[in-house]
Amino acid sequence: MKFNPEKFRGDGRGGFGWIACRRYGCDVSSSRRKSRKAHFSAPSSVRRKIMSSSLSKELRAKYNTRSIPIRKDDEVRIVRGKYKGREGKVTQVYRKKWVIHVDRVQRDKSNGASVPIGIHPSKVVVTNLKLDKDRRAILERKDRKKAEKSEDVEMTD
C-alpha cells in the first residue's frame, strides 16, 4: 500500500496513526492507552453494555442470542474462579467496580459481618432471566436481527 498523506494522522508521538485509518477509519484509535482510558472512564450507560454475560445453552437456543447485559434478579452460575459451580441470584450490579454480587457468595469479616464478593460478569452464565416488557423487546429485537442476517446468508448461497 502506498502512503497516502491525506489519511495520515500522527498520534502526536511520532507513531503510525495512519495504520488505524486504513483498518477502521480515522476516528477509531488503536492506542492501548486511549482504549484503556475510554474503558475505565466509561459512563454507566456504556458500562451496562460492557457488563454483559453469556446465556446458558438452553436460553441461547430459546432466544437465539448469545449474551445480554446482566441485571439484578437474574439467576447465574459461576463458571470461573474460586467460586466456580456456585449458583445464585444477582443481588447487585456494581457498575462502578465492574462486578456483580451473587447471593450466597460472600465471606465473613473478622468482626463477624458478612460481605459480598464481587464477580466479573464475564465469569458467569445466566441460567434464568428476569423478564419484563423492555427486556422482552430487547430479546425480540436481537432475534429479529439474527433472522434477517440468516436470510441474507441464504440468499447469497
C-alpha atoms as a PDB file:
ATOM      1  CA  MET A   1       0.000   0.000   0.000  1.00  0.00           C
ATOM      2  CA  LYS A   2       1.254   3.430  -0.925  1.00  0.00           C
ATOM      3  CA  PHE A   3       1.477   6.118   1.743  1.00  0.00           C
ATOM      4  CA  ASN A   4      -1.468   8.492   1.496  1.00  0.00           C
ATOM      5  CA  PRO A   5      -0.702  11.843   3.195  1.00  0.00           C
ATOM      6  CA  GLU A   6      -4.416  12.720   3.419  1.00  0.00           C
ATOM      7  CA  LYS A   7      -5.071   9.698   5.612  1.00  0.00           C
ATOM      8  CA  PHE A   8      -2.029  10.297   7.803  1.00  0.00           C
ATOM      9  CA  ARG A   9      -2.909  11.411  11.267  1.00  0.00           C
ATOM     10  CA  GLY A  10       0.031  11.325  13.609  1.00  0.00           C
ATOM     11  CA  ASP A  11      -0.599  10.169  17.162  1.00  0.00           C
ATOM     12  CA  GLY A  12       1.461  13.081  18.500  1.00  0.00           C
ATOM     13  CA  ARG A  13       4.378  10.862  19.476  1.00  0.00           C
ATOM     14  CA  GLY A  14       5.752  10.072  16.031  1.00  0.00           C
ATOM     15  CA  GLY A  15       3.756   6.827  15.748  1.00  0.00           C
ATOM     16  CA  PHE A  16       1.893   5.411  12.810  1.00  0.00           C
ATOM     17  CA  GLY A  17      -1.623   6.729  13.348  1.00  0.00           C
ATOM     18  CA  TRP A  18      -2.399   6.172   9.676  1.00  0.00           C
ATOM     19  CA  ILE A  19      -2.467   2.392  10.146  1.00  0.00           C
ATOM     20  CA  ALA A  20      -5.647   2.736  12.219  1.00  0.00           C
ATOM     21  CA  CYS A  21      -7.136   4.894   9.458  1.00  0.00           C
ATOM     22  CA  ARG A  22      -6.530   2.126   6.970  1.00  0.00           C
ATOM     23  CA  ARG A  23      -8.233  -0.528   9.071  1.00  0.00           C
ATOM     24  CA  TYR A  24     -11.193   1.120  10.782  1.00  0.00           C
ATOM     25  CA  GLY A  25     -11.450   4.744   9.684  1.00  0.00           C
ATOM     26  CA  CYS A  26      -9.627   7.694  11.181  1.00  0.00           C
ATOM     27  CA  ASP A  27     -11.945   8.257  14.128  1.00  0.00           C
ATOM     28  CA  VAL A  28     -11.125   4.888  15.750  1.00  0.00           C
ATOM     29  CA  SER A  29      -7.937   4.837  17.765  1.00  0.00           C
ATOM     30  CA  SER A  30      -5.878   1.679  18.112  1.00  0.00           C
ATOM     31  CA  SER A  31      -3.904   3.123  21.011  1.00  0.00           C
ATOM     32  CA  ARG A  32      -3.846   0.849  24.069  1.00  0.00           C
ATOM     33  CA  ARG A  33      -3.634   3.876  26.330  1.00  0.00           C
ATOM     34  CA  LYS A  34      -6.702   5.550  24.815  1.00  0.00           C
ATOM     35  CA  SER A  35      -8.677   2.296  24.788  1.00  0.00           C
ATOM     36  CA  ARG A  36      -7.988   1.718  28.474  1.00  0.00           C
ATOM     37  CA  LYS A  37      -8.876   5.295  29.346  1.00  0.00           C
ATOM     38  CA  ALA A  38     -12.156   5.036  27.423  1.00  0.00           C
ATOM     39  CA  HIS A  39     -12.960   1.721  29.118  1.00  0.00           C
ATOM     40  CA  PHE A  40     -12.244   2.751  32.696  1.00  0.00           C
ATOM     41  CA  SER A  41     -13.804   6.202  32.423  1.00  0.00           C
ATOM     42  CA  ALA A  42     -16.920   4.939  30.624  1.00  0.00           C
ATOM     43  CA  PRO A  43     -20.284   6.269  31.830  1.00  0.00           C
ATOM     44  CA  SER A  44     -22.802   3.957  33.486  1.00  0.00           C
ATOM     45  CA  SER A  45     -24.866   3.588  30.302  1.00  0.00           C
ATOM     46  CA  VAL A  46     -21.835   2.244  28.422  1.00  0.00           C
ATOM     47  CA  ARG A  47     -20.751   0.073  31.370  1.00  0.00           C
ATOM     48  CA  ARG A  48     -24.150  -1.634  31.259  1.00  0.00           C
ATOM     49  CA  LYS A  49     -23.425  -2.873  27.753  1.00  0.00           C
ATOM     50  CA  ILE A  50     -19.846  -3.884  28.587  1.00  0.00           C
ATOM     51  CA  MET A  51     -21.032  -5.795  31.676  1.00  0.00           C
ATOM     52  CA  SER A  52     -22.805  -8.483  29.656  1.00  0.00           C
ATOM     53  CA  SER A  53     -22.934 -12.185  30.450  1.00  0.00           C
ATOM     54  CA  SER A  54     -23.404 -15.125  28.143  1.00  0.00           C
ATOM     55  CA  LEU A  55     -26.605 -17.123  28.274  1.00  0.00           C
ATOM     56  CA  SER A  56     -26.831 -20.836  29.070  1.00  0.00           C
ATOM     57  CA  LYS A  57     -27.226 -23.249  26.147  1.00  0.00           C
ATOM     58  CA  GLU A  58     -30.961 -23.620  26.803  1.00  0.00           C
ATOM     59  CA  LEU A  59     -31.561 -19.848  26.880  1.00  0.00           C
ATOM     60  CA  ARG A  60     -29.296 -19.380  23.869  1.00  0.00           C
ATOM     61  CA  ALA A  61     -31.430 -21.798  21.855  1.00  0.00           C
ATOM     62  CA  LYS A  62     -34.679 -20.284  23.129  1.00  0.00           C
ATOM     63  CA  TYR A  63     -33.870 -16.609  22.496  1.00  0.00           C
ATOM     64  CA  ASN A  64     -31.406 -17.036  19.602  1.00  0.00           C
ATOM     65  CA  THR A  65     -28.888 -14.700  21.229  1.00  0.00           C
ATOM     66  CA  ARG A  66     -25.541 -15.322  22.873  1.00  0.00           C
ATOM     67  CA  SER A  67     -25.243 -12.674  25.590  1.00  0.00           C
ATOM     68  CA  ILE A  68     -27.215  -9.965  27.337  1.00  0.00           C
ATOM     69  CA  PRO A  69     -26.375  -7.170  29.797  1.00  0.00           C
ATOM     70  CA  ILE A  70     -26.605  -8.596  33.324  1.00  0.00           C
ATOM     71  CA  ARG A  71     -29.273  -7.338  35.672  1.00  0.00           C
ATOM     72  CA  LYS A  72     -30.403  -7.643  39.270  1.00  0.00           C
ATOM     73  CA  ASP A  73     -32.564 -10.756  39.934  1.00  0.00           C
ATOM     74  CA  ASP A  74     -31.102 -12.783  37.039  1.00  0.00           C
ATOM     75  CA  GLU A  75     -30.083 -16.288  38.125  1.00  0.00           C
ATOM     76  CA  VAL A  76     -26.480 -17.140  37.292  1.00  0.00           C
ATOM     77  CA  ARG A  77     -23.945 -19.962  37.562  1.00  0.00           C
ATOM     78  CA  ILE A  78     -20.309 -19.038  38.188  1.00  0.00           C
ATOM     79  CA  VAL A  79     -18.062 -20.819  35.681  1.00  0.00           C
ATOM     80  CA  ARG A  80     -14.583 -19.483  36.523  1.00  0.00           C
ATOM     81  CA  GLY A  81     -12.523 -18.821  39.616  1.00  0.00           C
ATOM     82  CA  LYS A  82     -12.639 -19.829  43.261  1.00  0.00           C
ATOM     83  CA  TYR A  83     -16.444 -19.929  43.372  1.00  0.00           C
ATOM     84  CA  LYS A  84     -16.852 -22.000  40.187  1.00  0.00           C
ATOM     85  CA  GLY A  85     -20.014 -24.103  40.215  1.00  0.00           C
ATOM     86  CA  ARG A  86     -21.977 -21.918  42.634  1.00  0.00           C
ATOM     87  CA  GLU A  87     -25.408 -20.753  41.565  1.00  0.00           C
ATOM     88  CA  GLY A  88     -27.470 -17.881  42.840  1.00  0.00           C
ATOM     89  CA  LYS A  89     -29.443 -14.761  42.130  1.00  0.00           C
ATOM     90  CA  VAL A  90     -27.744 -11.461  41.275  1.00  0.00           C
ATOM     91  CA  THR A  91     -28.292  -9.153  44.244  1.00  0.00           C
ATOM     92  CA  GLN A  92     -26.454  -6.106  42.881  1.00  0.00           C
ATOM     93  CA  VAL A  93     -24.818  -4.922  39.670  1.00  0.00           C
ATOM     94  CA  TYR A  94     -21.971  -2.713  40.864  1.00  0.00           C
ATOM     95  CA  ARG A  95     -21.092  -0.830  37.690  1.00  0.00           C
ATOM     96  CA  LYS A  96     -18.582   1.454  39.359  1.00  0.00           C
ATOM     97  CA  LYS A  97     -16.403  -1.545  40.313  1.00  0.00           C
ATOM     98  CA  TRP A  98     -17.237  -3.637  37.199  1.00  0.00           C
ATOM     99  CA  VAL A  99     -18.588  -6.517  39.337  1.00  0.00           C
ATOM    100  CA  ILE A 100     -21.833  -8.230  40.279  1.00  0.00           C
ATOM    101  CA  HIS A 101     -22.805  -9.594  43.676  1.00  0.00           C
ATOM    102  CA  VAL A 102     -24.428 -13.023  43.839  1.00  0.00           C
ATOM    103  CA  ASP A 103     -26.355 -14.209  46.887  1.00  0.00           C
ATOM    104  CA  ARG A 104     -24.577 -16.909  48.921  1.00  0.00           C
ATOM    105  CA  VAL A 105     -21.194 -15.793  47.524  1.00  0.00           C
ATOM    106  CA  GLN A 106     -19.799 -13.877  50.474  1.00  0.00           C
ATOM    107  CA  ARG A 107     -17.102 -14.002  53.115  1.00  0.00           C
ATOM    108  CA  ASP A 108     -17.081 -13.233  56.817  1.00  0.00           C
ATOM    109  CA  LYS A 109     -15.066 -10.322  58.131  1.00  0.00           C
ATOM    110  CA  SER A 110     -13.084 -10.555  61.353  1.00  0.00           C
ATOM    111  CA  ASN A 111     -15.858  -8.720  63.202  1.00  0.00           C
ATOM    112  CA  GLY A 112     -18.415 -11.334  62.106  1.00  0.00           C
ATOM    113  CA  ALA A 113     -20.137  -9.296  59.406  1.00  0.00           C
ATOM    114  CA  SER A 114     -20.520 -10.928  56.001  1.00  0.00           C
ATOM    115  CA  VAL A 115     -19.626  -9.020  52.844  1.00  0.00           C
ATOM    116  CA  PRO A 116     -20.493  -9.977  49.255  1.00  0.00           C
ATOM    117  CA  ILE A 117     -17.668 -10.910  46.914  1.00  0.00           C
ATOM    118  CA  GLY A 118     -17.549  -9.208  43.527  1.00  0.00           C
ATOM    119  CA  ILE A 119     -17.643 -11.467  40.484  1.00  0.00           C
ATOM    120  CA  HIS A 120     -16.915 -10.199  36.982  1.00  0.00           C
ATOM    121  CA  PRO A 121     -19.959 -10.681  34.709  1.00  0.00           C
ATOM    122  CA  SER A 122     -17.889 -12.428  32.027  1.00  0.00           C
ATOM    123  CA  LYS A 123     -17.207 -15.242  34.518  1.00  0.00           C
ATOM    124  CA  VAL A 124     -20.867 -16.207  34.933  1.00  0.00           C
ATOM    125  CA  VAL A 125     -23.522 -17.829  32.755  1.00  0.00           C
ATOM    126  CA  VAL A 126     -27.122 -16.640  33.006  1.00  0.00           C
ATOM    127  CA  THR A 127     -29.410 -19.603  33.731  1.00  0.00           C
ATOM    128  CA  ASN A 128     -32.676 -17.718  34.232  1.00  0.00           C
ATOM    129  CA  LEU A 129     -33.635 -14.217  33.095  1.00  0.00           C
ATOM    130  CA  LYS A 130     -35.814 -11.708  34.888  1.00  0.00           C
ATOM    131  CA  LEU A 131     -38.079 -10.659  32.049  1.00  0.00           C
ATOM    132  CA  ASP A 132     -40.162  -7.516  31.811  1.00  0.00           C
ATOM    133  CA  LYS A 133     -41.583  -5.816  28.735  1.00  0.00           C
ATOM    134  CA  ASP A 134     -38.403  -3.832  27.998  1.00  0.00           C
ATOM    135  CA  ARG A 135     -36.153  -6.855  28.241  1.00  0.00           C
ATOM    136  CA  ARG A 136     -38.517  -8.947  26.116  1.00  0.00           C
ATOM    137  CA  ALA A 137     -38.386  -6.191  23.483  1.00  0.00           C
ATOM    138  CA  ILE A 138     -34.565  -6.292  23.535  1.00  0.00           C
ATOM    139  CA  LEU A 139     -34.548 -10.078  23.053  1.00  0.00           C
ATOM    140  CA  GLU A 140     -37.123  -9.894  20.243  1.00  0.00           C
ATOM    141  CA  ARG A 141     -35.121  -7.161  18.513  1.00  0.00           C
ATOM    142  CA  LYS A 142     -31.913  -9.210  18.732  1.00  0.00           C
ATOM    143  CA  ASP A 143     -33.748 -12.303  17.462  1.00  0.00           C
ATOM    144  CA  ARG A 144     -35.172 -10.339  14.528  1.00  0.00           C
ATOM    145  CA  LYS A 145     -31.681  -9.097  13.589  1.00  0.00           C
ATOM    146  CA  LYS A 146     -30.318 -12.654  13.620  1.00  0.00           C
ATOM    147  CA  ALA A 147     -33.225 -13.853  11.454  1.00  0.00           C
ATOM    148  CA  GLU A 148     -32.550 -11.077   8.911  1.00  0.00           C
ATOM    149  CA  LYS A 149     -28.847 -11.958   8.814  1.00  0.00           C
ATOM    150  CA  SER A 150     -29.559 -15.649   8.231  1.00  0.00           C
ATOM    151  CA  GLU A 151     -31.953 -14.746   5.381  1.00  0.00           C
ATOM    152  CA  ASP A 152     -29.216 -12.652   3.749  1.00  0.00           C
ATOM    153  CA  VAL A 153     -26.783 -15.562   4.003  1.00  0.00           C
ATOM    154  CA  GLU A 154     -29.309 -17.960   2.440  1.00  0.00           C
ATOM    155  CA  MET A 155     -29.919 -15.563  -0.464  1.00  0.00           C
ATOM    156  CA  THR A 156     -26.221 -15.362  -1.329  1.00  0.00           C
ATOM    157  CA  ASP A 157     -25.802 -19.160  -1.384  1.00  0.00           C
END
